[in-house]
Amino acid sequence: MKTIKKYEEFNARRYGNPWVAVVRKNGKIDFSQKVGGYTGAYGKGEAGELYISDPVEGAVYAYGQKDYRGSNGG
């Protein structure tokens, strides 16, 4: 397990749950396979860590968090 980012408590009505996914060779993000998770409770805005379960050497991963009310997501 490899931690990617630690998140502080956040407003669950404004921000979505943090996510992580693998990037395919064509550059598109592939959400079809679960490669990690978030230790905070989903949908509640709890602080936690975003992680990759079994990182693969040479693989490219993308991660982020949706901002529903502005342009503060990433």
PDB file of N, CA and C in Angstrom:
ATOM      1  N   MET A   1       0.846  -1.185   0.000  1.00  0.00           N
ATOM      2  CA  MET A   1       0.000   0.000   0.000  1.00  0.00           C
ATOM      3  C   MET A   1       0.888   1.244   0.000  1.00  0.00           C
ATOM      4  N   LYS A   2       0.547   2.214  -0.823  1.00  0.00           N
ATOM      5  CA  LYS A   2       1.303   3.457  -0.930  1.00  0.00           C
ATOM      6  C   LYS A   2       0.347   4.639  -0.802  1.00  0.00           C
ATOM      7  N   THR A   3       0.597   5.510   0.186  1.00  0.00           N
ATOM      8  CA  THR A   3      -0.222   6.704   0.371  1.00  0.00           C
ATOM      9  C   THR A   3       0.151   7.739  -0.680  1.00  0.00           C
ATOM     10  N   ILE A   4      -0.866   8.306  -1.322  1.00  0.00           N
ATOM     11  CA  ILE A   4      -0.662   9.325  -2.346  1.00  0.00           C
ATOM     12  C   ILE A   4      -0.795  10.720  -1.755  1.00  0.00           C
ATOM     13  N   LYS A   5      -1.863  10.927  -0.989  1.00  0.00           N
ATOM     14  CA  LYS A   5      -2.124  12.250  -0.436  1.00  0.00           C
ATOM     15  C   LYS A   5      -2.968  12.121   0.818  1.00  0.00           C
ATOM     16  N   LYS A   6      -2.709  13.012   1.774  1.00  0.00           N
ATOM     17  CA  LYS A   6      -3.508  13.093   2.993  1.00  0.00           C
ATOM     18  C   LYS A   6      -4.467  14.267   2.854  1.00  0.00           C
ATOM     19  N   TYR A   7      -5.731  14.035   3.147  1.00  0.00           N
ATOM     20  CA  TYR A   7      -6.757  15.065   3.066  1.00  0.00           C
ATOM     21  C   TYR A   7      -7.233  15.441   4.459  1.00  0.00           C
ATOM     22  N   GLU A   8      -7.406  16.726   4.667  1.00  0.00           N
ATOM     23  CA  GLU A   8      -8.015  17.222   5.897  1.00  0.00           C
ATOM     24  C   GLU A   8      -9.529  17.045   5.776  1.00  0.00           C
ATOM     25  N   GLU A   9     -10.249  17.254   6.865  1.00  0.00           N
ATOM     26  CA  GLU A   9     -11.701  17.215   6.834  1.00  0.00           C
ATOM     27  C   GLU A   9     -12.197  18.231   5.806  1.00  0.00           C
ATOM     28  N   PHE A  10     -13.237  17.877   5.037  1.00  0.00           N
ATOM     29  CA  PHE A  10     -13.754  18.768   4.003  1.00  0.00           C
ATOM     30  C   PHE A  10     -15.278  18.765   4.009  1.00  0.00           C
ATOM     31  N   ASN A  11     -15.852  19.796   3.380  1.00  0.00           N
ATOM     32  CA  ASN A  11     -17.299  19.931   3.278  1.00  0.00           C
ATOM     33  C   ASN A  11     -17.808  18.945   2.229  1.00  0.00           C
ATOM     34  N   ALA A  12     -18.513  17.918   2.656  1.00  0.00           N
ATOM     35  CA  ALA A  12     -18.976  16.859   1.753  1.00  0.00           C
ATOM     36  C   ALA A  12     -20.054  17.340   0.790  1.00  0.00           C
ATOM     37  N   ARG A  13     -20.720  18.444   1.084  1.00  0.00           N
ATOM     38  CA  ARG A  13     -21.720  18.978   0.154  1.00  0.00           C
ATOM     39  C   ARG A  13     -21.042  19.708  -0.999  1.00  0.00           C
ATOM     40  N   ARG A  14     -19.837  20.197  -0.775  1.00  0.00           N
ATOM     41  CA  ARG A  14     -19.114  20.905  -1.838  1.00  0.00           C
ATOM     42  C   ARG A  14     -18.161  19.990  -2.597  1.00  0.00           C
ATOM     43  N   TYR A  15     -17.422  19.167  -1.883  1.00  0.00           N
ATOM     44  CA  TYR A  15     -16.393  18.325  -2.495  1.00  0.00           C
ATOM     45  C   TYR A  15     -16.821  16.866  -2.549  1.00  0.00           C
ATOM     46  N   GLY A  16     -16.463  16.215  -3.654  1.00  0.00           N
ATOM     47  CA  GLY A  16     -16.695  14.786  -3.787  1.00  0.00           C
ATOM     48  C   GLY A  16     -15.610  14.002  -3.069  1.00  0.00           C
ATOM     49  N   ASN A  17     -15.763  12.709  -3.083  1.00  0.00           N
ATOM     50  CA  ASN A  17     -14.767  11.844  -2.450  1.00  0.00           C
ATOM     51  C   ASN A  17     -13.481  11.830  -3.277  1.00  0.00           C
ATOM     52  N   PRO A  18     -12.325  11.815  -2.631  1.00  0.00           N
ATOM     53  CA  PRO A  18     -11.064  11.685  -3.370  1.00  0.00           C
ATOM     54  C   PRO A  18     -11.051  10.358  -4.129  1.00  0.00           C
ATOM     55  N   TRP A  19     -10.400  10.360  -5.302  1.00  0.00           N
ATOM     56  CA  TRP A  19     -10.359   9.163  -6.135  1.00  0.00           C
ATOM     57  C   TRP A  19      -8.957   8.949  -6.695  1.00  0.00           C
ATOM     58  N   VAL A  20      -8.696   7.723  -7.089  1.00  0.00           N
ATOM     59  CA  VAL A  20      -7.439   7.363  -7.750  1.00  0.00           C
ATOM     60  C   VAL A  20      -7.766   6.345  -8.835  1.00  0.00           C
ATOM     61  N   ALA A  21      -7.081   6.465  -9.978  1.00  0.00           N
ATOM     62  CA  ALA A  21      -7.308   5.546 -11.095  1.00  0.00           C
ATOM     63  C   ALA A  21      -6.017   5.403 -11.888  1.00  0.00           C
ATOM     64  N   VAL A  22      -5.956   4.361 -12.682  1.00  0.00           N
ATOM     65  CA  VAL A  22      -4.806   4.132 -13.552  1.00  0.00           C
ATOM     66  C   VAL A  22      -5.038   4.861 -14.878  1.00  0.00           C
ATOM     67  N   VAL A  23      -3.951   5.318 -15.483  1.00  0.00           N
ATOM     68  CA  VAL A  23      -4.025   5.974 -16.789  1.00  0.00           C
ATOM     69  C   VAL A  23      -3.585   4.959 -17.839  1.00  0.00           C
ATOM     70  N   ARG A  24      -4.430   4.762 -18.864  1.00  0.00           N
ATOM     71  CA  ARG A  24      -4.102   3.818 -19.935  1.00  0.00           C
ATOM     72  C   ARG A  24      -3.014   4.379 -20.849  1.00  0.00           C
ATOM     73  N   LYS A  25      -2.471   3.544 -21.708  1.00  0.00           N
ATOM     74  CA  LYS A  25      -1.409   3.961 -22.626  1.00  0.00           C
ATOM     75  C   LYS A  25      -1.859   5.044 -23.599  1.00  0.00           C
ATOM     76  N   ASN A  26      -3.181   5.122 -23.879  1.00  0.00           N
ATOM     77  CA  ASN A  26      -3.698   6.147 -24.780  1.00  0.00           C
ATOM     78  C   ASN A  26      -3.930   7.482 -24.059  1.00  0.00           C
ATOM     79  N   GLY A  27      -3.617   7.540 -22.748  1.00  0.00           N
ATOM     80  CA  GLY A  27      -3.735   8.773 -21.969  1.00  0.00           C
ATOM     81  C   GLY A  27      -5.063   8.961 -21.276  1.00  0.00           C
ATOM     82  N   LYS A  28      -5.997   8.028 -21.440  1.00  0.00           N
ATOM     83  CA  LYS A  28      -7.313   8.155 -20.800  1.00  0.00           C
ATOM     84  C   LYS A  28      -7.306   7.501 -19.422  1.00  0.00           C
ATOM     85  N   ILE A  29      -8.047   8.114 -18.512  1.00  0.00           N
ATOM     86  CA  ILE A  29      -8.154   7.580 -17.155  1.00  0.00           C
ATOM     87  C   ILE A  29      -9.118   6.413 -17.159  1.00  0.00           C
ATOM     88  N   ASP A  30      -8.708   5.309 -16.554  1.00  0.00           N
ATOM     89  CA  ASP A  30      -9.498   4.076 -16.539  1.00  0.00           C
ATOM     90  C   ASP A  30     -10.065   3.847 -15.138  1.00  0.00           C
ATOM     91  N   PHE A  31     -11.376   4.066 -14.998  1.00  0.00           N
ATOM     92  CA  PHE A  31     -12.039   3.857 -13.714  1.00  0.00           C
ATOM     93  C   PHE A  31     -12.628   2.452 -13.586  1.00  0.00           C
ATOM     94  N   SER A  32     -12.405   1.582 -14.568  1.00  0.00           N
ATOM     95  CA  SER A  32     -13.022   0.258 -14.565  1.00  0.00           C
ATOM     96  C   SER A  32     -12.412  -0.695 -13.530  1.00  0.00           C
ATOM     97  N   GLN A  33     -11.187  -0.447 -13.104  1.00  0.00           N
ATOM     98  CA  GLN A  33     -10.563  -1.307 -12.095  1.00  0.00           C
ATOM     99  C   GLN A  33     -10.249  -0.498 -10.839  1.00  0.00           C
ATOM    100  N   LYS A  34     -10.475  -1.111  -9.711  1.00  0.00           N
ATOM    101  CA  LYS A  34     -10.191  -0.448  -8.443  1.00  0.00           C
ATOM    102  C   LYS A  34      -8.712  -0.649  -8.111  1.00  0.00           C
ATOM    103  N   VAL A  35      -7.962   0.462  -8.028  1.00  0.00           N
ATOM    104  CA  VAL A  35      -6.528   0.373  -7.761  1.00  0.00           C
ATOM    105  C   VAL A  35      -6.162   0.886  -6.374  1.00  0.00           C
ATOM    106  N   GLY A  36      -7.123   1.459  -5.658  1.00  0.00           N
ATOM    107  CA  GLY A  36      -6.846   2.011  -4.334  1.00  0.00           C
ATOM    108  C   GLY A  36      -8.123   2.430  -3.652  1.00  0.00           C
ATOM    109  N   GLY A  37      -7.990   3.331  -2.686  1.00  0.00           N
ATOM    110  CA  GLY A  37      -9.155   3.769  -1.936  1.00  0.00           C
ATOM    111  C   GLY A  37      -8.837   4.951  -1.047  1.00  0.00           C
ATOM    112  N   TYR A  38      -9.805   5.305  -0.219  1.00  0.00           N
ATOM    113  CA  TYR A  38      -9.709   6.432   0.697  1.00  0.00           C
ATOM    114  C   TYR A  38     -10.074   5.945   2.096  1.00  0.00           C
ATOM    115  N   THR A  39      -9.251   6.287   3.078  1.00  0.00           N
ATOM    116  CA  THR A  39      -9.475   5.773   4.434  1.00  0.00           C
ATOM    117  C   THR A  39     -10.584   6.516   5.179  1.00  0.00           C
ATOM    118  N   GLY A  40     -10.925   7.731   4.755  1.00  0.00           N
ATOM    119  CA  GLY A  40     -12.028   8.471   5.378  1.00  0.00           C
ATOM    120  C   GLY A  40     -13.358   7.896   4.917  1.00  0.00           C
ATOM    121  N   ALA A  41     -14.417   8.150   5.672  1.00  0.00           N
ATOM    122  CA  ALA A  41     -15.737   7.647   5.311  1.00  0.00           C
ATOM    123  C   ALA A  41     -16.251   8.361   4.064  1.00  0.00           C
ATOM    124  N   TYR A  42     -16.691   7.599   3.080  1.00  0.00           N
ATOM    125  CA  TYR A  42     -17.193   8.165   1.838  1.00  0.00           C
ATOM    126  C   TYR A  42     -18.481   8.941   2.083  1.00  0.00           C
ATOM    127  N   GLY A  43     -18.566  10.107   1.471  1.00  0.00           N
ATOM    128  CA  GLY A  43     -19.768  10.930   1.558  1.00  0.00           C
ATOM    129  C   GLY A  43     -19.909  11.724   2.832  1.00  0.00           C
ATOM    130  N   LYS A  44     -18.940  11.666   3.742  1.00  0.00           N
ATOM    131  CA  LYS A  44     -19.063  12.355   5.025  1.00  0.00           C
ATOM    132  C   LYS A  44     -18.031  13.448   5.219  1.00  0.00           C
ATOM    133  N   GLY A  45     -17.056  13.558   4.348  1.00  0.00           N
ATOM    134  CA  GLY A  45     -16.048  14.605   4.447  1.00  0.00           C
ATOM    135  C   GLY A  45     -15.014  14.386   5.532  1.00  0.00           C
ATOM    136  N   GLU A  46     -14.838  13.168   5.965  1.00  0.00           N
ATOM    137  CA  GLU A  46     -13.841  12.874   7.003  1.00  0.00           C
ATOM    138  C   GLU A  46     -12.417  12.970   6.457  1.00  0.00           C
ATOM    139  N   ALA A  47     -11.502  13.354   7.323  1.00  0.00           N
ATOM    140  CA  ALA A  47     -10.085  13.370   6.974  1.00  0.00           C
ATOM    141  C   ALA A  47      -9.622  11.936   6.733  1.00  0.00           C
ATOM    142  N   GLY A  48      -8.642  11.771   5.857  1.00  0.00           N
ATOM    143  CA  GLY A  48      -8.136  10.433   5.581  1.00  0.00           C
ATOM    144  C   GLY A  48      -7.008  10.472   4.570  1.00  0.00           C
ATOM    145  N   GLU A  49      -6.593   9.289   4.152  1.00  0.00           N
ATOM    146  CA  GLU A  49      -5.494   9.143   3.199  1.00  0.00           C
ATOM    147  C   GLU A  49      -5.985   8.451   1.926  1.00  0.00           C
ATOM    148  N   LEU A  50      -5.563   8.982   0.797  1.00  0.00           N
ATOM    149  CA  LEU A  50      -5.823   8.356  -0.487  1.00  0.00           C
ATOM    150  C   LEU A  50      -4.634   7.444  -0.776  1.00  0.00           C
ATOM    151  N   TYR A  51      -4.891   6.199  -1.176  1.00  0.00           N
ATOM    152  CA  TYR A  51      -3.804   5.245  -1.338  1.00  0.00           C
ATOM    153  C   TYR A  51      -3.990   4.371  -2.578  1.00  0.00           C
ATOM    154  N   ILE A  52      -2.889   3.770  -3.014  1.00  0.00           N
ATOM    155  CA  ILE A  52      -2.895   2.747  -4.062  1.00  0.00           C
ATOM    156  C   ILE A  52      -2.604   1.423  -3.369  1.00  0.00           C
ATOM    157  N   SER A  53      -3.437   0.428  -3.622  1.00  0.00           N
ATOM    158  CA  SER A  53      -3.311  -0.865  -2.938  1.00  0.00           C
ATOM    159  C   SER A  53      -2.022  -1.591  -3.301  1.00  0.00           C
ATOM    160  N   ASP A  54      -1.830  -1.894  -4.555  1.00  0.00           N
ATOM    161  CA  ASP A  54      -0.651  -2.616  -5.024  1.00  0.00           C
ATOM    162  C   ASP A  54      -0.041  -1.855  -6.198  1.00  0.00           C
ATOM    163  N   PRO A  55       0.803  -0.849  -5.930  1.00  0.00           N
ATOM    164  CA  PRO A  55       1.379  -0.063  -7.024  1.00  0.00           C
ATOM    165  C   PRO A  55       2.206  -0.927  -7.970  1.00  0.00           C
ATOM    166  N   VAL A  56       2.072  -0.647  -9.256  1.00  0.00           N
ATOM    167  CA  VAL A  56       2.811  -1.371 -10.287  1.00  0.00           C
ATOM    168  C   VAL A  56       3.904  -0.443 -10.808  1.00  0.00           C
ATOM    169  N   GLU A  57       5.135  -0.931 -10.807  1.00  0.00           N
ATOM    170  CA  GLU A  57       6.254  -0.126 -11.297  1.00  0.00           C
ATOM    171  C   GLU A  57       6.046   0.213 -12.768  1.00  0.00           C
ATOM    172  N   GLY A  58       6.186   1.483 -13.096  1.00  0.00           N
ATOM    173  CA  GLY A  58       6.021   1.943 -14.460  1.00  0.00           C
ATOM    174  C   GLY A  58       4.607   2.371 -14.815  1.00  0.00           C
ATOM    175  N   ALA A  59       3.638   2.060 -13.966  1.00  0.00           N
ATOM    176  CA  ALA A  59       2.251   2.464 -14.225  1.00  0.00           C
ATOM    177  C   ALA A  59       2.093   3.949 -13.911  1.00  0.00           C
ATOM    178  N   VAL A  60       1.152   4.578 -14.603  1.00  0.00           N
ATOM    179  CA  VAL A  60       0.849   5.983 -14.357  1.00  0.00           C
ATOM    180  C   VAL A  60      -0.524   6.055 -13.705  1.00  0.00           C
ATOM    181  N   TYR A  61      -0.618   6.806 -12.613  1.00  0.00           N
ATOM    182  CA  TYR A  61      -1.868   6.946 -11.877  1.00  0.00           C
ATOM    183  C   TYR A  61      -2.306   8.403 -11.872  1.00  0.00           C
ATOM    184  N   ALA A  62      -3.621   8.606 -11.831  1.00  0.00           N
ATOM    185  CA  ALA A  62      -4.194   9.943 -11.698  1.00  0.00           C
ATOM    186  C   ALA A  62      -5.035   9.948 -10.432  1.00  0.00           C
ATOM    187  N   TYR A  63      -5.113  11.106  -9.767  1.00  0.00           N
ATOM    188  CA  TYR A  63      -5.958  11.215  -8.589  1.00  0.00           C
ATOM    189  C   TYR A  63      -6.543  12.619  -8.518  1.00  0.00           C
ATOM    190  N   GLY A  64      -7.602  12.769  -7.741  1.00  0.00           N
ATOM    191  CA  GLY A  64      -8.212  14.082  -7.626  1.00  0.00           C
ATOM    192  C   GLY A  64      -9.397  14.091  -6.682  1.00  0.00           C
ATOM    193  N   GLN A  65     -10.080  15.234  -6.693  1.00  0.00           N
ATOM    194  CA  GLN A  65     -11.263  15.432  -5.870  1.00  0.00           C
ATOM    195  C   GLN A  65     -12.136  16.476  -6.562  1.00  0.00           C
ATOM    196  N   LYS A  66     -13.389  16.144  -6.802  1.00  0.00           N
ATOM    197  CA  LYS A  66     -14.310  17.019  -7.524  1.00  0.00           C
ATOM    198  C   LYS A  66     -14.803  18.145  -6.607  1.00  0.00           C
ATOM    199  N   ASP A  67     -14.816  19.383  -7.153  1.00  0.00           N
ATOM    200  CA  ASP A  67     -15.398  20.541  -6.484  1.00  0.00           C
ATOM    201  C   ASP A  67     -16.690  20.871  -7.209  1.00  0.00           C
ATOM    202  N   TYR A  68     -17.830  20.621  -6.569  1.00  0.00           N
ATOM    203  CA  TYR A  68     -19.124  20.801  -7.212  1.00  0.00           C
ATOM    204  C   TYR A  68     -19.563  22.256  -7.331  1.00  0.00           C
ATOM    205  N   ARG A  69     -18.970  23.160  -6.577  1.00  0.00           N
ATOM    206  CA  ARG A  69     -19.430  24.552  -6.559  1.00  0.00           C
ATOM    207  C   ARG A  69     -18.427  25.551  -7.106  1.00  0.00           C
ATOM    208  N   GLY A  70     -17.312  25.126  -7.573  1.00  0.00           N
ATOM    209  CA  GLY A  70     -16.320  26.082  -8.053  1.00  0.00           C
ATOM    210  C   GLY A  70     -15.249  25.395  -8.864  1.00  0.00           C
ATOM    211  N   SER A  71     -14.146  26.053  -8.992  1.00  0.00           N
ATOM    212  CA  SER A  71     -13.039  25.487  -9.765  1.00  0.00           C
ATOM    213  C   SER A  71     -11.842  25.190  -8.870  1.00  0.00           C
ATOM    214  N   ASN A  72     -12.123  24.667  -7.698  1.00  0.00           N
ATOM    215  CA  ASN A  72     -11.081  24.394  -6.723  1.00  0.00           C
ATOM    216  C   ASN A  72     -10.716  22.909  -6.678  1.00  0.00           C
ATOM    217  N   GLY A  73     -11.294  22.108  -7.550  1.00  0.00           N
ATOM    218  CA  GLY A  73     -10.985  20.672  -7.561  1.00  0.00           C
ATOM    219  C   GLY A  73      -9.644  20.423  -8.230  1.00  0.00           C
ATOM    220  N   GLY A  74      -9.289  19.191  -8.309  1.00  0.00           N
ATOM    221  CA  GLY A  74      -8.018  18.876  -8.941  1.00  0.00           C
ATOM    222  C   GLY A  74      -7.930  17.441  -9.327  1.00  0.00           C
TER     223      GLY A  74
END
